[in-house]
Each structure stands twice: as structure tokens, then as C-alpha cells.
Amino acid sequence: MFIAILTYKKPLSEVDRFLAAHRKYLANHYADGDFIASGPQNPRVGGVIMMKAESREAVDAIIAEDPFHINDIADYQIVEFTPTMFITEELKSMLL
């Protein structure tokens, strides 16, 4: 499991120019089963994406497709972790 923490490098007016394309990118990766949860930070200084991927290299390939990355809108901090506790068994089976 990985968490991507995005920090905006550009003003929100620039972020908003690419928001529709970024949301389409997110929707595509939800459909592929890569993403589990995502949303903006509060205050709106960036965002967070929780994802399931086989490796850090796979995460890097996914991030490379993000319009925020392509257009130099955000920096990405990637945190890898191993989940050991879950709210439900259904969630556990979905993630592992």
C-alpha cells in the first residue's frame, strides 16, 4: 500500500486549470482498482491518494500519468506501508 501526499507548487488558479483532467486521471485509476481513497488536504495546499500497487516503480508509473505531475503543479511524497489492521474483513480482502 502507498500513500501519495501532493503539495501544490502553483497558485490555486493554476491548480484549478488542471483539476478536471486530474479528476479524470483519478477516475481511471479507481476503475482499474489502483486507488482506494483520495481527496484534498484541508486547508487546500495539496491532496492525498491512497493506492494499491505492486511496487514503488508501479507507483511512479501511475504518478507519471497525473496531469498535476505532467504540468508541474504538485510535488509528490510517497509513503509505503504495510496495513496490519482493518475496519472490516471485506476491506482487508479488497486490499490484500
PDB file of N, CA and C in Angstrom:
ATOM      1  N   MET A   1       0.842  -1.168   0.000  1.00  0.00           N
ATOM      2  CA  MET A   1       0.000   0.000   0.000  1.00  0.00           C
ATOM      3  C   MET A   1       0.891   1.236   0.000  1.00  0.00           C
ATOM      4  N   PHE A   2       0.379   2.263  -0.621  1.00  0.00           N
ATOM      5  CA  PHE A   2       1.119   3.511  -0.721  1.00  0.00           C
ATOM      6  C   PHE A   2       0.174   4.683  -0.487  1.00  0.00           C
ATOM      7  N   ILE A   3       0.726   5.733   0.077  1.00  0.00           N
ATOM      8  CA  ILE A   3       0.017   6.999   0.184  1.00  0.00           C
ATOM      9  C   ILE A   3       0.858   8.032  -0.558  1.00  0.00           C
ATOM     10  N   ALA A   4       0.217   8.743  -1.467  1.00  0.00           N
ATOM     11  CA  ALA A   4       0.867   9.852  -2.163  1.00  0.00           C
ATOM     12  C   ALA A   4       0.338  11.140  -1.541  1.00  0.00           C
ATOM     13  N   ILE A   5       1.238  11.959  -1.040  1.00  0.00           N
ATOM     14  CA  ILE A   5       0.882  13.252  -0.473  1.00  0.00           C
ATOM     15  C   ILE A   5       1.336  14.312  -1.466  1.00  0.00           C
ATOM     16  N   LEU A   6       0.360  14.998  -2.051  1.00  0.00           N
ATOM     17  CA  LEU A   6       0.648  16.031  -3.051  1.00  0.00           C
ATOM     18  C   LEU A   6       0.695  17.388  -2.374  1.00  0.00           C
ATOM     19  N   THR A   7       1.680  18.183  -2.747  1.00  0.00           N
ATOM     20  CA  THR A   7       1.784  19.558  -2.278  1.00  0.00           C
ATOM     21  C   THR A   7       1.841  20.460  -3.500  1.00  0.00           C
ATOM     22  N   TYR A   8       0.874  21.399  -3.579  1.00  0.00           N
ATOM     23  CA  TYR A   8       0.821  22.277  -4.739  1.00  0.00           C
ATOM     24  C   TYR A   8       2.028  23.206  -4.778  1.00  0.00           C
ATOM     25  N   LYS A   9       2.569  23.371  -5.982  1.00  0.00           N
ATOM     26  CA  LYS A   9       3.697  24.262  -6.235  1.00  0.00           C
ATOM     27  C   LYS A   9       3.241  25.553  -6.902  1.00  0.00           C
ATOM     28  N   LYS A  10       2.001  25.553  -7.365  1.00  0.00           N
ATOM     29  CA  LYS A  10       1.464  26.684  -8.125  1.00  0.00           C
ATOM     30  C   LYS A  10       0.246  27.241  -7.386  1.00  0.00           C
ATOM     31  N   PRO A  11      -0.164  28.464  -7.710  1.00  0.00           N
ATOM     32  CA  PRO A  11      -1.369  29.035  -7.094  1.00  0.00           C
ATOM     33  C   PRO A  11      -2.608  28.203  -7.447  1.00  0.00           C
ATOM     34  N   LEU A  12      -3.638  28.301  -6.601  1.00  0.00           N
ATOM     35  CA  LEU A  12      -4.861  27.529  -6.820  1.00  0.00           C
ATOM     36  C   LEU A  12      -5.502  27.825  -8.170  1.00  0.00           C
ATOM     37  N   SER A  13      -5.331  29.030  -8.680  1.00  0.00           N
ATOM     38  CA  SER A  13      -5.884  29.332 -10.006  1.00  0.00           C
ATOM     39  C   SER A  13      -5.251  28.431 -11.068  1.00  0.00           C
ATOM     40  N   GLU A  14      -3.987  28.128 -10.921  1.00  0.00           N
ATOM     41  CA  GLU A  14      -3.296  27.224 -11.850  1.00  0.00           C
ATOM     42  C   GLU A  14      -3.706  25.778 -11.586  1.00  0.00           C
ATOM     43  N   VAL A  15      -3.827  25.394 -10.320  1.00  0.00           N
ATOM     44  CA  VAL A  15      -4.286  24.051  -9.952  1.00  0.00           C
ATOM     45  C   VAL A  15      -5.651  23.798 -10.587  1.00  0.00           C
ATOM     46  N   ASP A  16      -6.554  24.762 -10.450  1.00  0.00           N
ATOM     47  CA  ASP A  16      -7.921  24.601 -10.950  1.00  0.00           C
ATOM     48  C   ASP A  16      -7.984  24.433 -12.473  1.00  0.00           C
ATOM     49  N   ARG A  17      -7.021  24.960 -13.186  1.00  0.00           N
ATOM     50  CA  ARG A  17      -6.978  24.787 -14.648  1.00  0.00           C
ATOM     51  C   ARG A  17      -6.834  23.316 -15.044  1.00  0.00           C
ATOM     52  N   PHE A  18      -6.190  22.517 -14.172  1.00  0.00           N
ATOM     53  CA  PHE A  18      -5.928  21.104 -14.471  1.00  0.00           C
ATOM     54  C   PHE A  18      -6.770  20.156 -13.625  1.00  0.00           C
ATOM     55  N   LEU A  19      -7.708  20.695 -12.843  1.00  0.00           N
ATOM     56  CA  LEU A  19      -8.486  19.872 -11.920  1.00  0.00           C
ATOM     57  C   LEU A  19      -9.370  18.858 -12.641  1.00  0.00           C
ATOM     58  N   ALA A  20     -10.028  19.243 -13.716  1.00  0.00           N
ATOM     59  CA  ALA A  20     -10.889  18.293 -14.448  1.00  0.00           C
ATOM     60  C   ALA A  20     -10.062  17.132 -15.007  1.00  0.00           C
ATOM     61  N   ALA A  21      -8.905  17.441 -15.572  1.00  0.00           N
ATOM     62  CA  ALA A  21      -8.033  16.387 -16.114  1.00  0.00           C
ATOM     63  C   ALA A  21      -7.512  15.494 -14.985  1.00  0.00           C
ATOM     64  N   HIS A  22      -7.183  16.085 -13.842  1.00  0.00           N
ATOM     65  CA  HIS A  22      -6.708  15.313 -12.689  1.00  0.00           C
ATOM     66  C   HIS A  22      -7.813  14.375 -12.195  1.00  0.00           C
ATOM     67  N   ARG A  23      -9.041  14.867 -12.138  1.00  0.00           N
ATOM     68  CA  ARG A  23     -10.163  14.022 -11.689  1.00  0.00           C
ATOM     69  C   ARG A  23     -10.427  12.881 -12.661  1.00  0.00           C
ATOM     70  N   LYS A  24     -10.254  13.113 -13.938  1.00  0.00           N
ATOM     71  CA  LYS A  24     -10.400  12.030 -14.924  1.00  0.00           C
ATOM     72  C   LYS A  24      -9.316  10.976 -14.700  1.00  0.00           C
ATOM     73  N   TYR A  25      -8.091  11.415 -14.468  1.00  0.00           N
ATOM     74  CA  TYR A  25      -6.977  10.518 -14.145  1.00  0.00           C
ATOM     75  C   TYR A  25      -7.320   9.680 -12.910  1.00  0.00           C
ATOM     76  N   LEU A  26      -7.847  10.336 -11.865  1.00  0.00           N
ATOM     77  CA  LEU A  26      -8.236   9.614 -10.656  1.00  0.00           C
ATOM     78  C   LEU A  26      -9.301   8.566 -10.978  1.00  0.00           C
ATOM     79  N   ALA A  27     -10.331   8.977 -11.717  1.00  0.00           N
ATOM     80  CA  ALA A  27     -11.434   8.060 -12.059  1.00  0.00           C
ATOM     81  C   ALA A  27     -10.924   6.833 -12.817  1.00  0.00           C
ATOM     82  N   ASN A  28     -10.000   7.043 -13.724  1.00  0.00           N
ATOM     83  CA  ASN A  28      -9.429   5.922 -14.486  1.00  0.00           C
ATOM     84  C   ASN A  28      -8.724   4.929 -13.567  1.00  0.00           C
ATOM     85  N   HIS A  29      -7.983   5.449 -12.589  1.00  0.00           N
ATOM     86  CA  HIS A  29      -7.248   4.547 -11.690  1.00  0.00           C
ATOM     87  C   HIS A  29      -8.153   3.920 -10.638  1.00  0.00           C
ATOM     88  N   TYR A  30      -9.260   4.579 -10.277  1.00  0.00           N
ATOM     89  CA  TYR A  30     -10.265   3.905  -9.441  1.00  0.00           C
ATOM     90  C   TYR A  30     -10.863   2.739 -10.226  1.00  0.00           C
ATOM     91  N   ALA A  31     -11.187   2.969 -11.484  1.00  0.00           N
ATOM     92  CA  ALA A  31     -11.770   1.921 -12.329  1.00  0.00           C
ATOM     93  C   ALA A  31     -10.814   0.738 -12.485  1.00  0.00           C
ATOM     94  N   ASP A  32      -9.510   1.023 -12.525  1.00  0.00           N
ATOM     95  CA  ASP A  32      -8.504  -0.035 -12.655  1.00  0.00           C
ATOM     96  C   ASP A  32      -8.213  -0.743 -11.322  1.00  0.00           C
ATOM     97  N   GLY A  33      -8.761  -0.207 -10.217  1.00  0.00           N
ATOM     98  CA  GLY A  33      -8.527  -0.803  -8.904  1.00  0.00           C
ATOM     99  C   GLY A  33      -7.251  -0.362  -8.227  1.00  0.00           C
ATOM    100  N   ASP A  34      -6.598   0.672  -8.768  1.00  0.00           N
ATOM    101  CA  ASP A  34      -5.336   1.154  -8.186  1.00  0.00           C
ATOM    102  C   ASP A  34      -5.551   2.044  -6.967  1.00  0.00           C
ATOM    103  N   PHE A  35      -6.619   2.854  -6.978  1.00  0.00           N
ATOM    104  CA  PHE A  35      -6.837   3.847  -5.937  1.00  0.00           C
ATOM    105  C   PHE A  35      -7.929   3.389  -4.983  1.00  0.00           C
ATOM    106  N   ILE A  36      -7.743   3.703  -3.701  1.00  0.00           N
ATOM    107  CA  ILE A  36      -8.669   3.311  -2.650  1.00  0.00           C
ATOM    108  C   ILE A  36      -9.412   4.518  -2.106  1.00  0.00           C
ATOM    109  N   ALA A  37      -8.711   5.636  -1.945  1.00  0.00           N
ATOM    110  CA  ALA A  37      -9.305   6.865  -1.434  1.00  0.00           C
ATOM    111  C   ALA A  37      -8.441   8.031  -1.887  1.00  0.00           C
ATOM    112  N   SER A  38      -9.075   9.189  -2.023  1.00  0.00           N
ATOM    113  CA  SER A  38      -8.323  10.390  -2.392  1.00  0.00           C
ATOM    114  C   SER A  38      -9.133  11.619  -2.011  1.00  0.00           C
ATOM    115  N   GLY A  39      -8.455  12.736  -1.934  1.00  0.00           N
ATOM    116  CA  GLY A  39      -9.146  13.984  -1.658  1.00  0.00           C
ATOM    117  C   GLY A  39      -8.168  15.095  -1.356  1.00  0.00           C
ATOM    118  N   PRO A  40      -8.700  16.316  -1.274  1.00  0.00           N
ATOM    119  CA  PRO A  40      -7.842  17.475  -0.998  1.00  0.00           C
ATOM    120  C   PRO A  40      -7.457  17.536   0.475  1.00  0.00           C
ATOM    121  N   GLN A  41      -6.310  18.134   0.741  1.00  0.00           N
ATOM    122  CA  GLN A  41      -5.929  18.431   2.115  1.00  0.00           C
ATOM    123  C   GLN A  41      -6.765  19.628   2.583  1.00  0.00           C
ATOM    124  N   ASN A  42      -6.868  19.769   3.892  1.00  0.00           N
ATOM    125  CA  ASN A  42      -7.569  20.913   4.462  1.00  0.00           C
ATOM    126  C   ASN A  42      -6.646  21.582   5.468  1.00  0.00           C
ATOM    127  N   PRO A  43      -6.153  22.784   5.186  1.00  0.00           N
ATOM    128  CA  PRO A  43      -6.509  23.671   4.089  1.00  0.00           C
ATOM    129  C   PRO A  43      -6.006  23.130   2.746  1.00  0.00           C
ATOM    130  N   ARG A  44      -6.501  23.698   1.682  1.00  0.00           N
ATOM    131  CA  ARG A  44      -6.253  23.196   0.326  1.00  0.00           C
ATOM    132  C   ARG A  44      -4.847  23.572  -0.165  1.00  0.00           C
ATOM    133  N   VAL A  45      -3.869  22.825   0.325  1.00  0.00           N
ATOM    134  CA  VAL A  45      -2.476  23.042  -0.066  1.00  0.00           C
ATOM    135  C   VAL A  45      -1.959  21.886  -0.916  1.00  0.00           C
ATOM    136  N   GLY A  46      -2.835  20.899  -1.160  1.00  0.00           N
ATOM    137  CA  GLY A  46      -2.456  19.720  -1.924  1.00  0.00           C
ATOM    138  C   GLY A  46      -3.525  18.666  -1.760  1.00  0.00           C
ATOM    139  N   GLY A  47      -3.143  17.419  -1.958  1.00  0.00           N
ATOM    140  CA  GLY A  47      -4.092  16.321  -1.855  1.00  0.00           C
ATOM    141  C   GLY A  47      -3.426  15.062  -1.357  1.00  0.00           C
ATOM    142  N   VAL A  48      -4.239  14.025  -1.195  1.00  0.00           N
ATOM    143  CA  VAL A  48      -3.758  12.731  -0.714  1.00  0.00           C
ATOM    144  C   VAL A  48      -4.420  11.646  -1.558  1.00  0.00           C
ATOM    145  N   ILE A  49      -3.634  10.652  -1.954  1.00  0.00           N
ATOM    146  CA  ILE A  49      -4.158   9.498  -2.682  1.00  0.00           C
ATOM    147  C   ILE A  49      -3.649   8.235  -1.983  1.00  0.00           C
ATOM    148  N   MET A  50      -4.580   7.365  -1.575  1.00  0.00           N
ATOM    149  CA  MET A  50      -4.201   6.057  -1.044  1.00  0.00           C
ATOM    150  C   MET A  50      -4.327   5.060  -2.185  1.00  0.00           C
ATOM    151  N   MET A  51      -3.267   4.310  -2.428  1.00  0.00           N
ATOM    152  CA  MET A  51      -3.276   3.408  -3.578  1.00  0.00           C
ATOM    153  C   MET A  51      -2.706   2.044  -3.250  1.00  0.00           C
ATOM    154  N   LYS A  52      -3.108   1.105  -4.076  1.00  0.00           N
ATOM    155  CA  LYS A  52      -2.604  -0.266  -4.010  1.00  0.00           C
ATOM    156  C   LYS A  52      -1.758  -0.465  -5.261  1.00  0.00           C
ATOM    157  N   ALA A  53      -0.513  -0.878  -5.080  1.00  0.00           N
ATOM    158  CA  ALA A  53       0.385  -1.111  -6.214  1.00  0.00           C
ATOM    159  C   ALA A  53       1.386  -2.190  -5.836  1.00  0.00           C
ATOM    160  N   GLU A  54       1.911  -2.860  -6.836  1.00  0.00           N
ATOM    161  CA  GLU A  54       2.865  -3.948  -6.616  1.00  0.00           C
ATOM    162  C   GLU A  54       4.231  -3.472  -6.133  1.00  0.00           C
ATOM    163  N   SER A  55       4.608  -2.246  -6.517  1.00  0.00           N
ATOM    164  CA  SER A  55       5.957  -1.766  -6.201  1.00  0.00           C
ATOM    165  C   SER A  55       6.007  -0.245  -6.286  1.00  0.00           C
ATOM    166  N   ARG A  56       7.100   0.299  -5.787  1.00  0.00           N
ATOM    167  CA  ARG A  56       7.321   1.744  -5.896  1.00  0.00           C
ATOM    168  C   ARG A  56       7.439   2.143  -7.362  1.00  0.00           C
ATOM    169  N   GLU A  57       8.015   1.287  -8.182  1.00  0.00           N
ATOM    170  CA  GLU A  57       8.136   1.571  -9.614  1.00  0.00           C
ATOM    171  C   GLU A  57       6.755   1.684 -10.256  1.00  0.00           C
ATOM    172  N   ALA A  58       5.828   0.832  -9.840  1.00  0.00           N
ATOM    173  CA  ALA A  58       4.453   0.904 -10.356  1.00  0.00           C
ATOM    174  C   ALA A  58       3.794   2.214  -9.924  1.00  0.00           C
ATOM    175  N   VAL A  59       4.037   2.626  -8.686  1.00  0.00           N
ATOM    176  CA  VAL A  59       3.505   3.913  -8.201  1.00  0.00           C
ATOM    177  C   VAL A  59       4.073   5.050  -9.039  1.00  0.00           C
ATOM    178  N   ASP A  60       5.368   5.033  -9.283  1.00  0.00           N
ATOM    179  CA  ASP A  60       5.998   6.091 -10.084  1.00  0.00           C
ATOM    180  C   ASP A  60       5.391   6.160 -11.482  1.00  0.00           C
ATOM    181  N   ALA A  61       5.086   5.009 -12.058  1.00  0.00           N
ATOM    182  CA  ALA A  61       4.468   4.978 -13.386  1.00  0.00           C
ATOM    183  C   ALA A  61       3.057   5.556 -13.345  1.00  0.00           C
ATOM    184  N   ILE A  62       2.313   5.266 -12.289  1.00  0.00           N
ATOM    185  CA  ILE A  62       0.968   5.819 -12.140  1.00  0.00           C
ATOM    186  C   ILE A  62       1.038   7.329 -11.961  1.00  0.00           C
ATOM    187  N   ILE A  63       1.918   7.794 -11.105  1.00  0.00           N
ATOM    188  CA  ILE A  63       2.067   9.237 -10.851  1.00  0.00           C
ATOM    189  C   ILE A  63       2.495   9.967 -12.125  1.00  0.00           C
ATOM    190  N   ALA A  64       3.306   9.330 -12.938  1.00  0.00           N
ATOM    191  CA  ALA A  64       3.782   9.961 -14.181  1.00  0.00           C
ATOM    192  C   ALA A  64       2.630  10.323 -15.119  1.00  0.00           C
ATOM    193  N   GLU A  65       1.478   9.662 -14.963  1.00  0.00           N
ATOM    194  CA  GLU A  65       0.306   9.935 -15.801  1.00  0.00           C
ATOM    195  C   GLU A  65      -0.548  11.099 -15.299  1.00  0.00           C
ATOM    196  N   ASP A  66      -0.319  11.535 -14.066  1.00  0.00           N
ATOM    197  CA  ASP A  66      -1.165  12.565 -13.443  1.00  0.00           C
ATOM    198  C   ASP A  66      -0.933  13.919 -14.116  1.00  0.00           C
ATOM    199  N   PRO A  67      -1.989  14.577 -14.581  1.00  0.00           N
ATOM    200  CA  PRO A  67      -1.826  15.912 -15.168  1.00  0.00           C
ATOM    201  C   PRO A  67      -1.167  16.907 -14.210  1.00  0.00           C
ATOM    202  N   PHE A  68      -1.346  16.722 -12.899  1.00  0.00           N
ATOM    203  CA  PHE A  68      -0.661  17.593 -11.946  1.00  0.00           C
ATOM    204  C   PHE A  68       0.852  17.373 -11.999  1.00  0.00           C
ATOM    205  N   HIS A  69       1.272  16.143 -12.254  1.00  0.00           N
ATOM    206  CA  HIS A  69       2.700  15.850 -12.400  1.00  0.00           C
ATOM    207  C   HIS A  69       3.206  16.338 -13.766  1.00  0.00           C
ATOM    208  N   ILE A  70       2.488  16.004 -14.800  1.00  0.00           N
ATOM    209  CA  ILE A  70       2.886  16.359 -16.167  1.00  0.00           C
ATOM    210  C   ILE A  70       3.060  17.863 -16.319  1.00  0.00           C
ATOM    211  N   ASN A  71       2.185  18.635 -15.670  1.00  0.00           N
ATOM    212  CA  ASN A  71       2.205  20.095 -15.800  1.00  0.00           C
ATOM    213  C   ASN A  71       2.905  20.790 -14.634  1.00  0.00           C
ATOM    214  N   ASP A  72       3.661  20.028 -13.836  1.00  0.00           N
ATOM    215  CA  ASP A  72       4.477  20.564 -12.744  1.00  0.00           C
ATOM    216  C   ASP A  72       3.650  21.373 -11.744  1.00  0.00           C
ATOM    217  N   ILE A  73       2.454  20.870 -11.421  1.00  0.00           N
ATOM    218  CA  ILE A  73       1.547  21.541 -10.498  1.00  0.00           C
ATOM    219  C   ILE A  73       1.827  21.154  -9.054  1.00  0.00           C
ATOM    220  N   ALA A  74       2.284  19.905  -8.827  1.00  0.00           N
ATOM    221  CA  ALA A  74       2.444  19.416  -7.458  1.00  0.00           C
ATOM    222  C   ALA A  74       3.721  18.600  -7.303  1.00  0.00           C
ATOM    223  N   ASP A  75       4.233  18.630  -6.079  1.00  0.00           N
ATOM    224  CA  ASP A  75       5.284  17.703  -5.662  1.00  0.00           C
ATOM    225  C   ASP A  75       4.598  16.511  -5.001  1.00  0.00           C
ATOM    226  N   TYR A  76       5.242  15.347  -5.035  1.00  0.00           N
ATOM    227  CA  TYR A  76       4.669  14.113  -4.505  1.00  0.00           C
ATOM    228  C   TYR A  76       5.602  13.504  -3.476  1.00  0.00           C
ATOM    229  N   GLN A  77       5.091  13.281  -2.280  1.00  0.00           N
ATOM    230  CA  GLN A  77       5.802  12.493  -1.278  1.00  0.00           C
ATOM    231  C   GLN A  77       5.104  11.138  -1.242  1.00  0.00           C
ATOM    232  N   ILE A  78       5.850  10.068  -1.431  1.00  0.00           N
ATOM    233  CA  ILE A  78       5.281   8.723  -1.453  1.00  0.00           C
ATOM    234  C   ILE A  78       5.670   8.002  -0.167  1.00  0.00           C
ATOM    235  N   VAL A  79       4.657   7.471   0.517  1.00  0.00           N
ATOM    236  CA  VAL A  79       4.871   6.705   1.747  1.00  0.00           C
ATOM    237  C   VAL A  79       4.371   5.291   1.504  1.00  0.00           C
ATOM    238  N   GLU A  80       5.254   4.307   1.664  1.00  0.00           N
ATOM    239  CA  GLU A  80       4.854   2.905   1.556  1.00  0.00           C
ATOM    240  C   GLU A  80       4.579   2.375   2.956  1.00  0.00           C
ATOM    241  N   PHE A  81       3.504   1.600   3.091  1.00  0.00           N
ATOM    242  CA  PHE A  81       3.222   0.996   4.391  1.00  0.00           C
ATOM    243  C   PHE A  81       2.569  -0.362   4.203  1.00  0.00           C
ATOM    244  N   THR A  82       2.631  -1.158   5.265  1.00  0.00           N
ATOM    245  CA  THR A  82       2.022  -2.481   5.263  1.00  0.00           C
ATOM    246  C   THR A  82       0.844  -2.450   6.225  1.00  0.00           C
ATOM    247  N   PRO A  83      -0.381  -2.502   5.696  1.00  0.00           N
ATOM    248  CA  PRO A  83      -1.541  -2.480   6.594  1.00  0.00           C
ATOM    249  C   PRO A  83      -1.640  -3.789   7.377  1.00  0.00           C
ATOM    250  N   THR A  84      -1.856  -3.667   8.676  1.00  0.00           N
ATOM    251  CA  THR A  84      -1.981  -4.848   9.526  1.00  0.00           C
ATOM    252  C   THR A  84      -3.309  -4.883  10.273  1.00  0.00           C
ATOM    253  N   MET A  85      -4.027  -3.763  10.295  1.00  0.00           N
ATOM    254  CA  MET A  85      -5.348  -3.717  10.922  1.00  0.00           C
ATOM    255  C   MET A  85      -6.316  -3.080   9.939  1.00  0.00           C
ATOM    256  N   PHE A  86      -7.573  -3.578   9.968  1.00  0.00           N
ATOM    257  CA  PHE A  86      -8.587  -3.114   9.023  1.00  0.00           C
ATOM    258  C   PHE A  86      -9.903  -2.913   9.752  1.00  0.00           C
ATOM    259  N   ILE A  87     -10.728  -2.042   9.225  1.00  0.00           N
ATOM    260  CA  ILE A  87     -12.035  -1.819   9.826  1.00  0.00           C
ATOM    261  C   ILE A  87     -12.956  -3.015   9.627  1.00  0.00           C
ATOM    262  N   THR A  88     -12.847  -3.698   8.486  1.00  0.00           N
ATOM    263  CA  THR A  88     -13.676  -4.873   8.216  1.00  0.00           C
ATOM    264  C   THR A  88     -12.859  -5.917   7.470  1.00  0.00           C
ATOM    265  N   GLU A  89     -13.288  -7.149   7.556  1.00  0.00           N
ATOM    266  CA  GLU A  89     -12.650  -8.221   6.785  1.00  0.00           C
ATOM    267  C   GLU A  89     -12.848  -7.999   5.293  1.00  0.00           C
ATOM    268  N   GLU A  90     -14.004  -7.429   4.917  1.00  0.00           N
ATOM    269  CA  GLU A  90     -14.260  -7.142   3.499  1.00  0.00           C
ATOM    270  C   GLU A  90     -13.205  -6.173   2.966  1.00  0.00           C
ATOM    271  N   LEU A  91     -12.896  -5.130   3.721  1.00  0.00           N
ATOM    272  CA  LEU A  91     -11.859  -4.180   3.298  1.00  0.00           C
ATOM    273  C   LEU A  91     -10.507  -4.884   3.222  1.00  0.00           C
ATOM    274  N   LYS A  92     -10.203  -5.713   4.198  1.00  0.00           N
ATOM    275  CA  LYS A  92      -8.932  -6.441   4.201  1.00  0.00           C
ATOM    276  C   LYS A  92      -8.789  -7.273   2.923  1.00  0.00           C
ATOM    277  N   SER A  93      -9.842  -8.011   2.557  1.00  0.00           N
ATOM    278  CA  SER A  93      -9.744  -8.854   1.372  1.00  0.00           C
ATOM    279  C   SER A  93      -9.628  -8.015   0.103  1.00  0.00           C
ATOM    280  N   MET A  94     -10.208  -6.841   0.107  1.00  0.00           N
ATOM    281  CA  MET A  94     -10.139  -5.951  -1.058  1.00  0.00           C
ATOM    282  C   MET A  94      -8.715  -5.414  -1.240  1.00  0.00           C
ATOM    283  N   LEU A  95      -8.025  -5.159  -0.149  1.00  0.00           N
ATOM    284  CA  LEU A  95      -6.715  -4.512  -0.201  1.00  0.00           C
ATOM    285  C   LEU A  95      -5.567  -5.497  -0.387  1.00  0.00           C
ATOM    286  N   LEU A  96      -5.738  -6.701   0.068  1.00  0.00           N
ATOM    287  CA  LEU A  96      -4.614  -7.657   0.007  1.00  0.00           C
ATOM    288  C   LEU A  96      -4.717  -8.589  -1.157  1.00  0.00           C
TER     289      LEU A  96
END
